[in-house]
C-alpha atoms as a PDB file:
ATOM      1  CA  MET A   1       2.751   4.599 -12.121  1.00  0.00           C
ATOM      2  CA  ARG A   2      -1.133   4.790 -12.688  1.00  0.00           C
ATOM      3  CA  PHE A   3      -3.140   7.918 -11.633  1.00  0.00           C
ATOM      4  CA  LEU A   4      -5.499   5.658  -9.412  1.00  0.00           C
ATOM      5  CA  PHE A   5      -6.008   6.007  -5.489  1.00  0.00           C
ATOM      6  CA  VAL A   6      -8.923   3.746  -4.983  1.00  0.00           C
ATOM      7  CA  ASP A   7      -7.865   0.160  -4.096  1.00  0.00           C
ATOM      8  CA  ARG A   8     -11.348  -1.225  -3.092  1.00  0.00           C
ATOM      9  CA  ILE A   9     -14.851   0.207  -2.628  1.00  0.00           C
ATOM     10  CA  CYS A  10     -16.179  -1.341   0.943  1.00  0.00           C
ATOM     11  CA  ALA A  11     -19.587   0.027   0.737  1.00  0.00           C
ATOM     12  CA  LEU A  12     -21.916   2.179  -1.184  1.00  0.00           C
ATOM     13  CA  GLU A  13     -25.437   3.667  -0.629  1.00  0.00           C
ATOM     14  CA  LYS A  14     -26.452   4.246  -4.471  1.00  0.00           C
ATOM     15  CA  GLY A  15     -26.475   8.120  -4.827  1.00  0.00           C
ATOM     16  CA  LYS A  16     -25.798   8.912  -1.182  1.00  0.00           C
ATOM     17  CA  ARG A  17     -22.644   7.574   0.211  1.00  0.00           C
ATOM     18  CA  VAL A  18     -19.628   5.679  -0.510  1.00  0.00           C
ATOM     19  CA  ARG A  19     -16.327   4.254   1.800  1.00  0.00           C
ATOM     20  CA  ALA A  20     -13.248   2.910   0.184  1.00  0.00           C
ATOM     21  CA  ILE A  21      -9.906   2.298   1.050  1.00  0.00           C
ATOM     22  CA  LYS A  22      -6.345   3.052  -0.373  1.00  0.00           C
ATOM     23  CA  ASN A  23      -3.171   1.461   0.749  1.00  0.00           C
ATOM     24  CA  ILE A  24       0.072   3.815   0.736  1.00  0.00           C
ATOM     25  CA  SER A  25       3.267   2.424  -0.474  1.00  0.00           C
ATOM     26  CA  GLY A  26       6.852   3.271  -0.275  1.00  0.00           C
ATOM     27  CA  ASP A  27       6.783   2.935  -4.300  1.00  0.00           C
ATOM     28  CA  GLU A  28       4.114   5.807  -4.537  1.00  0.00           C
ATOM     29  CA  GLY A  29       5.035   8.359  -7.129  1.00  0.00           C
ATOM     30  CA  PHE A  30       3.883  11.415  -5.369  1.00  0.00           C
ATOM     31  CA  LEU A  31       5.868  11.336  -1.911  1.00  0.00           C
ATOM     32  CA  ALA A  32       7.570  14.289  -0.545  1.00  0.00           C
ATOM     33  CA  GLU A  33       9.766  14.808   2.240  1.00  0.00           C
ATOM     34  CA  ILE A  34       8.783  18.222   4.088  1.00  0.00           C
ATOM     35  CA  PHE A  35      11.507  17.088   6.595  1.00  0.00           C
ATOM     36  CA  PRO A  36      14.641  14.605   5.609  1.00  0.00           C
ATOM     37  CA  GLY A  37      13.935  11.311   5.970  1.00  0.00           C
ATOM     38  CA  LEU A  38      10.047  11.648   6.607  1.00  0.00           C
ATOM     39  CA  PRO A  39       8.685  10.884   3.345  1.00  0.00           C
ATOM     40  CA  VAL A  40       4.736  11.645   3.105  1.00  0.00           C
ATOM     41  CA  LEU A  41       2.086  11.683   0.206  1.00  0.00           C
ATOM     42  CA  SER A  42       1.642  15.281  -1.104  1.00  0.00           C
ATOM     43  CA  PRO A  43      -1.385  16.566   0.826  1.00  0.00           C
ATOM     44  CA  VAL A  44      -2.955  17.703  -2.008  1.00  0.00           C
ATOM     45  CA  ILE A  45      -2.578  14.457  -4.075  1.00  0.00           C
ATOM     46  CA  ALA A  46      -3.973  12.749  -1.106  1.00  0.00           C
ATOM     47  CA  ALA A  47      -7.170  14.936  -1.387  1.00  0.00           C
ATOM     48  CA  GLU A  48      -7.443  12.995  -4.999  1.00  0.00           C
ATOM     49  CA  ALA A  49      -8.076   9.737  -3.420  1.00  0.00           C
ATOM     50  CA  ALA A  50     -11.227  11.005  -1.496  1.00  0.00           C
ATOM     51  CA  ALA A  51     -12.384  12.813  -4.779  1.00  0.00           C
ATOM     52  CA  GLN A  52     -11.907   9.564  -6.907  1.00  0.00           C
ATOM     53  CA  ALA A  53     -14.056   7.618  -4.217  1.00  0.00           C
ATOM     54  CA  LEU A  54     -16.760  10.127  -4.873  1.00  0.00           C
ATOM     55  CA  SER A  55     -16.283  10.068  -8.310  1.00  0.00           C
ATOM     56  CA  TRP A  56     -17.293   6.515  -8.536  1.00  0.00           C
ATOM     57  CA  LEU A  57     -20.392   7.185  -6.210  1.00  0.00           C
ATOM     58  CA  ILE A  58     -21.768   9.902  -8.537  1.00  0.00           C
ATOM     59  CA  VAL A  59     -20.641   7.625 -11.958  1.00  0.00           C
ATOM     60  CA  GLU A  60     -22.701   4.578 -10.602  1.00  0.00           C
ATOM     61  CA  ALA A  61     -25.520   6.770  -9.494  1.00  0.00           C
ATOM     62  CA  ARG A  62     -25.947   8.088 -12.958  1.00  0.00           C
ATOM     63  CA  ASP A  63     -25.533   4.605 -14.356  1.00  0.00           C
ATOM     64  CA  PHE A  64     -21.884   5.248 -16.213  1.00  0.00           C
ATOM     65  CA  ALA A  65     -23.461   8.344 -18.102  1.00  0.00           C
ATOM     66  CA  VAL A  66     -21.486  11.079 -16.634  1.00  0.00           C
ATOM     67  CA  LYS A  67     -18.023  11.834 -14.913  1.00  0.00           C
ATOM     68  CA  PRO A  68     -17.949  14.481 -12.013  1.00  0.00           C
ATOM     69  CA  LEU A  69     -15.273  17.106 -12.538  1.00  0.00           C
ATOM     70  CA  ILE A  70     -14.739  19.158  -9.494  1.00  0.00           C
ATOM     71  CA  THR A  71     -15.153  23.125 -10.698  1.00  0.00           C
ATOM     72  CA  VAL A  72     -15.495  24.693  -7.100  1.00  0.00           C
ATOM     73  CA  LEU A  73     -14.157  23.925  -3.896  1.00  0.00           C
ATOM     74  CA  ASP A  74     -15.302  25.970  -0.992  1.00  0.00           C
ATOM     75  CA  GLU A  75     -12.805  24.540   1.584  1.00  0.00           C
ATOM     76  CA  TYR A  76      -9.726  22.094   1.770  1.00  0.00           C
ATOM     77  CA  VAL A  77      -8.684  21.070   5.293  1.00  0.00           C
ATOM     78  CA  CYS A  78      -5.561  18.949   6.162  1.00  0.00           C
ATOM     79  CA  HIS A  79      -5.435  17.705   9.838  1.00  0.00           C
ATOM     80  CA  LYS A  80      -2.683  15.086   9.314  1.00  0.00           C
ATOM     81  CA  HIS A  81       0.103  13.995   6.761  1.00  0.00           C
ATOM     82  CA  VAL A  82      -0.353  10.669   5.022  1.00  0.00           C
ATOM     83  CA  GLN A  83       2.976   8.477   5.393  1.00  0.00           C
ATOM     84  CA  PRO A  84       3.892   4.814   3.732  1.00  0.00           C
ATOM     85  CA  GLY A  85       2.351   2.253   5.581  1.00  0.00           C
ATOM     86  CA  ASP A  86      -0.845   3.909   6.402  1.00  0.00           C
ATOM     87  CA  GLN A  87      -4.121   2.728   4.709  1.00  0.00           C
ATOM     88  CA  ILE A  88      -6.453   5.431   4.609  1.00  0.00           C
ATOM     89  CA  ALA A  89     -10.284   5.532   4.337  1.00  0.00           C
ATOM     90  CA  MET A  90     -12.015   7.491   1.998  1.00  0.00           C
ATOM     91  CA  GLU A  91     -15.773   8.486   2.619  1.00  0.00           C
ATOM     92  CA  GLY A  92     -17.848  10.652   0.136  1.00  0.00           C
ATOM     93  CA  GLU A  93     -21.250  11.778   0.532  1.00  0.00           C
ATOM     94  CA  VAL A  94     -23.403  13.477  -2.148  1.00  0.00           C
ATOM     95  CA  GLU A  95     -25.510  16.586  -0.654  1.00  0.00           C
ATOM     96  CA  SER A  96     -27.830  17.383  -4.026  1.00  0.00           C
ATOM     97  CA  PHE A  97     -27.976  16.464  -7.471  1.00  0.00           C
ATOM     98  CA  GLN A  98     -28.796  19.204 -10.298  1.00  0.00           C
ATOM     99  CA  ARG A  99     -29.348  18.134 -13.836  1.00  0.00           C
ATOM    100  CA  GLU A 100     -25.674  19.155 -14.857  1.00  0.00           C
ATOM    101  CA  SER A 101     -24.005  19.043 -11.321  1.00  0.00           C
ATOM    102  CA  ALA A 102     -23.766  17.847  -8.178  1.00  0.00           C
ATOM    103  CA  LEU A 103     -22.916  19.155  -4.708  1.00  0.00           C
ATOM    104  CA  ALA A 104     -20.463  16.615  -2.400  1.00  0.00           C
ATOM    105  CA  HIS A 105     -18.197  16.374   0.723  1.00  0.00           C
ATOM    106  CA  ALA A 106     -15.328  14.086   1.022  1.00  0.00           C
ATOM    107  CA  ARG A 107     -12.925  13.195   3.906  1.00  0.00           C
ATOM    108  CA  ILE A 108      -9.839  11.041   4.463  1.00  0.00           C
ATOM    109  CA  LEU A 109      -9.669   9.114   7.738  1.00  0.00           C
ATOM    110  CA  ILE A 110      -6.691   7.535   9.403  1.00  0.00           C
ATOM    111  CA  ASN A 111      -7.683   5.466  12.525  1.00  0.00           C
ATOM    112  CA  GLU A 112     -11.300   6.617  11.901  1.00  0.00           C
ATOM    113  CA  THR A 113      -9.759  10.228  12.665  1.00  0.00           C
ATOM    114  CA  PRO A 114     -10.197  12.720   9.860  1.00  0.00           C
ATOM    115  CA  ALA A 115      -6.759  13.527   8.089  1.00  0.00           C
ATOM    116  CA  ILE A 116      -8.227  15.517   5.251  1.00  0.00           C
ATOM    117  CA  GLU A 117     -11.567  17.176   4.460  1.00  0.00           C
ATOM    118  CA  ILE A 118     -13.298  18.614   1.166  1.00  0.00           C
ATOM    119  CA  ASN A 119     -16.162  20.368   1.824  1.00  0.00           C
ATOM    120  CA  HIS A 120     -18.885  21.733  -0.568  1.00  0.00           C
ATOM    121  CA  GLY A 121     -17.347  20.594  -3.722  1.00  0.00           C
ATOM    122  CA  VAL A 122     -19.470  21.421  -6.836  1.00  0.00           C
ATOM    123  CA  CYS A 123     -18.987  18.789  -9.699  1.00  0.00           C
ATOM    124  CA  TYR A 124     -20.036  19.485 -13.480  1.00  0.00           C
ATOM    125  CA  LEU A 125     -21.315  16.092 -14.975  1.00  0.00           C
ATOM    126  CA  PHE A 126     -19.599  15.784 -17.904  1.00  0.00           C
ATOM    127  CA  PRO A 127     -20.382  13.041 -20.267  1.00  0.00           C
ATOM    128  CA  LEU A 128     -18.113   9.785 -19.332  1.00  0.00           C
ATOM    129  CA  SER A 129     -18.135   8.554 -23.105  1.00  0.00           C
ATOM    130  CA  ALA A 130     -16.051  11.808 -24.096  1.00  0.00           C
ATOM    131  CA  LEU A 131     -13.488  10.482 -21.437  1.00  0.00           C
ATOM    132  CA  GLN A 132     -13.366   6.758 -21.529  1.00  0.00           C
ATOM    133  CA  ASP A 133     -15.172   3.653 -22.686  1.00  0.00           C
ATOM    134  CA  PRO A 134     -18.031   3.379 -20.236  1.00  0.00           C
ATOM    135  CA  ALA A 135     -17.833  -0.453 -20.445  1.00  0.00           C
ATOM    136  CA  ASP A 136     -14.241  -0.094 -19.252  1.00  0.00           C
ATOM    137  CA  ALA A 137     -15.358   2.348 -16.313  1.00  0.00           C
ATOM    138  CA  GLN A 138     -18.138  -0.511 -15.421  1.00  0.00           C
ATOM    139  CA  ARG A 139     -15.468  -3.402 -15.433  1.00  0.00           C
ATOM    140  CA  GLN A 140     -13.137  -1.141 -13.146  1.00  0.00           C
ATOM    141  CA  PHE A 141     -15.826  -0.340 -10.704  1.00  0.00           C
ATOM    142  CA  GLN A 142     -16.817  -4.048 -10.465  1.00  0.00           C
ATOM    143  CA  HIS A 143     -13.318  -4.823  -9.705  1.00  0.00           C
ATOM    144  CA  LEU A 144     -13.083  -2.311  -6.920  1.00  0.00           C
ATOM    145  CA  CYS A 145     -16.356  -3.774  -5.617  1.00  0.00           C
ATOM    146  CA  GLU A 146     -15.504  -7.400  -5.401  1.00  0.00           C
ATOM    147  CA  LYS A 147     -15.368  -8.625  -2.101  1.00  0.00           C
ATOM    148  CA  PRO A 148     -11.545  -9.830  -1.319  1.00  0.00           C
ATOM    149  CA  PHE A 149     -10.455 -13.364  -0.821  1.00  0.00           C
ATOM    150  CA  LEU A 150     -10.334 -12.549   2.969  1.00  0.00           C
ATOM    151  CA  THR A 151     -12.451 -10.161   4.877  1.00  0.00           C
ATOM    152  CA  ALA A 152     -11.162  -6.621   5.216  1.00  0.00           C
ATOM    153  CA  PRO A 153     -10.824  -4.785   8.571  1.00  0.00           C
ATOM    154  CA  ALA A 154     -13.485  -2.314   8.908  1.00  0.00           C
ATOM    155  CA  ALA A 155     -11.234   0.414  10.070  1.00  0.00           C
ATOM    156  CA  ALA A 156      -8.455   1.780   8.179  1.00  0.00           C
ATOM    157  CA  GLN A 157      -5.303   1.464  10.477  1.00  0.00           C
ATOM    158  CA  ARG A 158      -2.304   3.544  10.903  1.00  0.00           C
ATOM    159  CA  SER A 159       0.407   0.856  12.365  1.00  0.00           C
ATOM    160  CA  PRO A 160       2.805   2.059  14.797  1.00  0.00           C
ATOM    161  CA  LEU A 161       6.182   3.286  13.322  1.00  0.00           C
ATOM    162  CA  VAL A 162       9.091   1.763  15.057  1.00  0.00           C
ATOM    163  CA  ARG A 163      11.584   4.470  14.507  1.00  0.00           C
ATOM    164  CA  GLU A 164      14.606   2.850  16.583  1.00  0.00           C
ATOM    165  CA  GLY A 165      15.607  -0.230  14.543  1.00  0.00           C
ATOM    166  CA  ALA A 166      14.093   0.629  11.362  1.00  0.00           C
ATOM    167  CA  ALA A 167      16.322   0.461   8.149  1.00  0.00           C
ATOM    168  CA  PRO A 168      17.665   3.620   6.992  1.00  0.00           C
ATOM    169  CA  ASN A 169      16.227   3.210   3.693  1.00  0.00           C
ATOM    170  CA  LEU A 170      13.110   0.916   3.670  1.00  0.00           C
ATOM    171  CA  ARG A 171      12.462   2.176  -0.108  1.00  0.00           C
ATOM    172  CA  ASP A 172      15.072  -0.712  -1.217  1.00  0.00           C
ATOM    173  CA  SER A 173      13.526  -3.489   1.168  1.00  0.00           C
ATOM    174  CA  GLY A 174      10.296  -3.743  -0.324  1.00  0.00           C
ATOM    175  CA  ILE A 175       8.675  -2.817   3.187  1.00  0.00           C
ATOM    176  CA  ASP A 176       6.838   0.250   3.525  1.00  0.00           C
ATOM    177  CA  ARG A 177       6.894   0.480   7.617  1.00  0.00           C
ATOM    178  CA  ILE A 178       8.463  -1.497  10.373  1.00  0.00           C
ATOM    179  CA  ILE A 179       6.078  -2.012  13.239  1.00  0.00           C
ATOM    180  CA  PHE A 180       8.011  -4.404  15.627  1.00  0.00           C
ATOM    181  CA  TYR A 181      11.871  -5.295  16.354  1.00  0.00           C
ATOM    182  CA  GLU A 182      13.592  -7.157  18.616  1.00  0.00           C
ATOM    183  CA  GLU A 183      17.509  -7.022  18.170  1.00  0.00           C
ATOM    184  CA  ARG A 184      18.668 -10.219  16.638  1.00  0.00           C
ATOM    185  CA  GLN A 185      15.334 -11.964  16.907  1.00  0.00           C
ATOM    186  CA  ARG A 186      12.540 -10.954  15.274  1.00  0.00           C
ATOM    187  CA  ILE A 187      11.198  -8.130  12.835  1.00  0.00           C
ATOM    188  CA  VAL A 188       7.652  -7.428  11.782  1.00  0.00           C
ATOM    189  CA  GLY A 189       6.958  -5.151   9.065  1.00  0.00           C
ATOM    190  CA  ILE A 190       3.955  -4.201   6.427  1.00  0.00           C
ATOM    191  CA  LYS A 191       3.756  -3.735   2.802  1.00  0.00           C
ATOM    192  CA  ASN A 192       0.820  -1.817   1.331  1.00  0.00           C
ATOM    193  CA  ILE A 193      -0.483  -3.393  -1.885  1.00  0.00           C
ATOM    194  CA  THR A 194      -2.015  -0.845  -3.969  1.00  0.00           C
ATOM    195  CA  THR A 195      -3.716  -0.900  -7.539  1.00  0.00           C
ATOM    196  CA  THR A 196      -1.190   1.662  -8.759  1.00  0.00           C
ATOM    197  CA  ALA A 197       1.670  -0.781  -8.793  1.00  0.00           C
ATOM    198  CA  ASP A 198       2.709  -1.349 -12.337  1.00  0.00           C
ATOM    199  CA  TYR A 199       2.855  -4.976 -12.384  1.00  0.00           C
ATOM    200  CA  PHE A 200      -1.215  -5.205 -11.923  1.00  0.00           C
ATOM    201  CA  ASN A 201      -1.279  -3.949 -15.364  1.00  0.00           C
ATOM    202  CA  ASP A 202       0.123  -7.374 -16.581  1.00  0.00           C
ATOM    203  CA  HIS A 203      -0.822  -9.585 -13.676  1.00  0.00           C
ATOM    204  CA  PHE A 204      -3.677  -9.629 -14.412  1.00  0.00           C
ATOM    205  CA  PRO A 205      -5.710  -6.890 -16.337  1.00  0.00           C
ATOM    206  CA  ARG A 206      -9.083  -8.637 -15.356  1.00  0.00           C
ATOM    207  CA  LYS A 207      -8.151 -10.093 -11.690  1.00  0.00           C
ATOM    208  CA  PRO A 208      -4.917  -8.036 -10.114  1.00  0.00           C
ATOM    209  CA  LEU A 209      -3.382 -10.413  -8.161  1.00  0.00           C
ATOM    210  CA  LEU A 210       0.090  -9.849  -6.166  1.00  0.00           C
ATOM    211  CA  PRO A 211       2.932 -11.590  -7.799  1.00  0.00           C
ATOM    212  CA  GLY A 212       4.204 -14.283  -5.683  1.00  0.00           C
ATOM    213  CA  VAL A 213       7.946 -13.141  -6.160  1.00  0.00           C
ATOM    214  CA  VAL A 214       6.986  -9.583  -4.787  1.00  0.00           C
ATOM    215  CA  ILE A 215       5.881 -11.314  -1.667  1.00  0.00           C
ATOM    216  CA  MET A 216       9.038 -13.293  -1.718  1.00  0.00           C
ATOM    217  CA  ASP A 217      11.084 -10.163  -2.150  1.00  0.00           C
ATOM    218  CA  ALA A 218       9.359  -8.520   0.847  1.00  0.00           C
ATOM    219  CA  LEU A 219      10.093 -11.375   3.026  1.00  0.00           C
ATOM    220  CA  ILE A 220      13.625 -11.532   2.092  1.00  0.00           C
ATOM    221  CA  GLY A 221      13.856  -7.862   2.331  1.00  0.00           C
ATOM    222  CA  CYS A 222      12.501  -7.588   5.663  1.00  0.00           C
ATOM    223  CA  ALA A 223      14.789 -10.431   6.559  1.00  0.00           C
ATOM    224  CA  ARG A 224      17.969  -8.445   5.624  1.00  0.00           C
ATOM    225  CA  ILE A 225      17.000  -5.509   7.919  1.00  0.00           C
ATOM    226  CA  LEU A 226      17.153  -7.932  10.723  1.00  0.00           C
ATOM    227  CA  ILE A 227      20.358  -9.482   9.744  1.00  0.00           C
ATOM    228  CA  ASN A 228      21.945  -6.226   8.844  1.00  0.00           C
ATOM    229  CA  ARG A 229      21.154  -4.719  11.922  1.00  0.00           C
ATOM    230  CA  ALA A 230      22.465  -7.799  13.862  1.00  0.00           C
ATOM    231  CA  LEU A 231      25.945  -7.696  11.987  1.00  0.00           C
ATOM    232  CA  THR A 232      26.234  -4.011  12.759  1.00  0.00           C
ATOM    233  CA  ALA A 233      25.537  -4.768  16.643  1.00  0.00           C
ATOM    234  CA  HIS A 234      28.220  -7.561  16.584  1.00  0.00           C
ATOM    235  CA  GLY A 235      30.752  -4.868  15.300  1.00  0.00           C
ATOM    236  CA  TRP A 236      30.546  -6.555  11.620  1.00  0.00           C
ATOM    237  CA  GLU A 237      29.023  -3.328   9.960  1.00  0.00           C
ATOM    238  CA  GLN A 238      31.214  -3.900   6.809  1.00  0.00           C
ATOM    239  CA  MET A 239      29.228  -6.904   6.260  1.00  0.00           C
ATOM    240  CA  GLN A 240      26.068  -7.355   4.443  1.00  0.00           C
ATOM    241  CA  ALA A 241      23.545 -10.243   4.385  1.00  0.00           C
ATOM    242  CA  VAL A 242      23.577 -11.875   0.671  1.00  0.00           C
ATOM    243  CA  LEU A 243      20.494 -14.173  -0.082  1.00  0.00           C
ATOM    244  CA  VAL A 244      22.180 -17.559  -1.220  1.00  0.00           C
ATOM    245  CA  ARG A 245      19.321 -19.985  -0.929  1.00  0.00           C
ATOM    246  CA  ALA A 246      15.637 -19.942  -0.203  1.00  0.00           C
ATOM    247  CA  HIS A 247      13.534 -23.295   0.443  1.00  0.00           C
ATOM    248  CA  LYS A 248       9.929 -24.504   1.449  1.00  0.00           C
ATOM    249  CA  VAL A 249       8.541 -21.875   0.055  1.00  0.00           C
ATOM    250  CA  LYS A 250       4.808 -21.983  -0.171  1.00  0.00           C
ATOM    251  CA  PHE A 251       2.229 -19.360  -1.356  1.00  0.00           C
ATOM    252  CA  ARG A 252      -1.181 -20.035   0.365  1.00  0.00           C
ATOM    253  CA  ARG A 253      -3.688 -17.164  -0.428  1.00  0.00           C
ATOM    254  CA  PHE A 254      -4.147 -14.627  -3.400  1.00  0.00           C
ATOM    255  CA  VAL A 255      -3.099 -10.869  -2.529  1.00  0.00           C
ATOM    256  CA  GLN A 256      -4.987  -8.236  -3.902  1.00  0.00           C
ATOM    257  CA  PRO A 257      -4.852  -4.285  -4.131  1.00  0.00           C
ATOM    258  CA  GLY A 258      -6.429  -3.085  -0.816  1.00  0.00           C
ATOM    259  CA  ASP A 259      -4.821  -5.945   1.151  1.00  0.00           C
ATOM    260  CA  GLN A 260      -1.920  -5.196   3.615  1.00  0.00           C
ATOM    261  CA  LEU A 261       0.510  -7.856   3.925  1.00  0.00           C
ATOM    262  CA  VAL A 262       2.131  -8.371   7.136  1.00  0.00           C
ATOM    263  CA  VAL A 263       5.858  -9.654   7.087  1.00  0.00           C
ATOM    264  CA  GLN A 264       7.205 -11.595   9.972  1.00  0.00           C
ATOM    265  CA  VAL A 265      10.772 -12.818  10.027  1.00  0.00           C
ATOM    266  CA  GLN A 266      12.242 -14.899  12.989  1.00  0.00           C
ATOM    267  CA  MET A 267      16.119 -15.356  13.195  1.00  0.00           C
ATOM    268  CA  GLY A 268      17.537 -18.847  13.338  1.00  0.00           C
ATOM    269  CA  GLU A 269      21.257 -19.708  12.876  1.00  0.00           C
ATOM    270  CA  PHE A 270      23.546 -16.545  13.262  1.00  0.00           C
ATOM    271  CA  THR A 271      27.288 -16.491  12.852  1.00  0.00           C
ATOM    272  CA  GLU A 272      29.701 -14.187  11.464  1.00  0.00           C
ATOM    273  CA  GLN A 273      29.463 -16.027   8.164  1.00  0.00           C
ATOM    274  CA  GLN A 274      25.965 -16.853   7.679  1.00  0.00           C
ATOM    275  CA  SER A 275      22.560 -16.941   8.895  1.00  0.00           C
ATOM    276  CA  MET A 276      19.360 -18.743   8.638  1.00  0.00           C
ATOM    277  CA  VAL A 277      15.750 -17.356   9.011  1.00  0.00           C
ATOM    278  CA  HIS A 278      12.032 -18.222   8.994  1.00  0.00           C
ATOM    279  CA  ALA A 279       9.566 -15.731   7.366  1.00  0.00           C
ATOM    280  CA  LYS A 280       5.914 -15.789   6.609  1.00  0.00           C
ATOM    281  CA  ALA A 281       3.634 -13.142   5.260  1.00  0.00           C
ATOM    282  CA  LEU A 282      -0.112 -12.823   6.498  1.00  0.00           C
ATOM    283  CA  VAL A 283      -3.115 -11.008   5.300  1.00  0.00           C
ATOM    284  CA  HIS A 284      -5.943 -10.282   7.813  1.00  0.00           C
ATOM    285  CA  ASP A 285      -4.182 -12.762  10.199  1.00  0.00           C
ATOM    286  CA  LYS A 286      -4.541 -15.660   7.645  1.00  0.00           C
ATOM    287  CA  VAL A 287      -1.029 -16.841   6.264  1.00  0.00           C
ATOM    288  CA  ALA A 288      -0.489 -15.937   2.602  1.00  0.00           C
ATOM    289  CA  ALA A 289       3.105 -17.465   2.024  1.00  0.00           C
ATOM    290  CA  THR A 290       5.995 -19.144   4.054  1.00  0.00           C
ATOM    291  CA  LEU A 291       9.705 -19.611   3.581  1.00  0.00           C
ATOM    292  CA  ALA A 292      13.068 -20.574   5.154  1.00  0.00           C
ATOM    293  CA  ALA A 293      16.176 -18.575   3.717  1.00  0.00           C
ATOM    294  CA  GLU A 294      19.701 -18.731   4.166  1.00  0.00           C
ATOM    295  CA  PHE A 295      22.383 -15.846   3.746  1.00  0.00           C
ATOM    296  CA  CYS A 296      25.972 -15.311   3.566  1.00  0.00           C
ATOM    297  CA  HIS A 297      27.646 -12.459   5.279  1.00  0.00           C
ATOM    298  CA  LEU A 298      29.905 -10.418   2.791  1.00  0.00           C
ATOM    299  CA  ASP A 299      32.112  -7.717   2.656  1.00  0.00           C
ATOM    300  CA  ARG A 300      32.074  -5.462  -0.588  1.00  0.00           C
ATOM    301  CA  ASP A 301      35.020  -6.709  -2.115  1.00  0.00           C
ATOM    302  CA  THR A 302      34.042 -10.276  -1.394  1.00  0.00           C
ATOM    303  CA  TYR A 303      30.655  -9.748  -3.040  1.00  0.00           C
ATOM    304  CA  LEU A 304      32.154  -7.982  -6.232  1.00  0.00           C
ATOM    305  CA  LYS A 305      34.126 -10.954  -6.546  1.00  0.00           C
ATOM    306  CA  THR A 306      31.869 -13.604  -5.792  1.00  0.00           C
ATOM    307  CA  PHE A 307      28.375 -12.292  -7.429  1.00  0.00           C
ATOM    308  CA  LEU A 308      29.604  -9.760 -10.067  1.00  0.00           C
ATOM    309  CA  SER A 309      32.814 -10.710 -11.343  1.00  0.00           C
END
């Protein structure tokens, strides 16, 4: 897991202000549970996202010669906690520059409502070349500023969390949040795509793209939630949905860090022994992937004999 908390820079006014976004995934390395079953991003770590957005503003303003390091912070205020499934916006503003320092402010917003504020931070401007290759920093900045293949929404949104009907453990499903559930019929979930995901180290270093198998895994994971809850509703709670076939699999668009994948699954045939679903993934209301899938329903012993013996 990389220590990067900016997925995309949406707007930048040189030396003055910046706006960026960060998607919060269930795979984040800094999740904590203040109450059992309610994971949130560590409120202090969340502030790092705002600080990193502010850092890019200052680095770019000084032509990649310095790196700001916060030495004094007048005030940190936390209004709301950040959950998996959230897309947060980070805004930073430089109040003044000195030769070796800068005075700045930053904040995190959810649905354009302040969640965390960093007020009156004094940043020491340390030589960037002592910390990293300035050319690498420039390339990273260019990637963050690249326009997405699809236009991102202007406001970072907190999707409604459907608690009734959500799976007990979404971290095993490839989904960060369930936003709609109709028993035995349909389910909609979201998966946040964040630059900290390990697979972006290799897929690909110069153009991070979400692997197609990860999209497919999210579709199948969401489908299993729908099917397993239907099995429980029928009194077959000892059964689990096991994928046996996927077909008509099509990947139509690239998915990048900063995107939010909306996963929609519709139930087709459903019996005690098997089920079929149709699923699609969308980014900004455009179809990114589609598939049809068939599942068998097995109890634990049958599963062990069939798939693990």
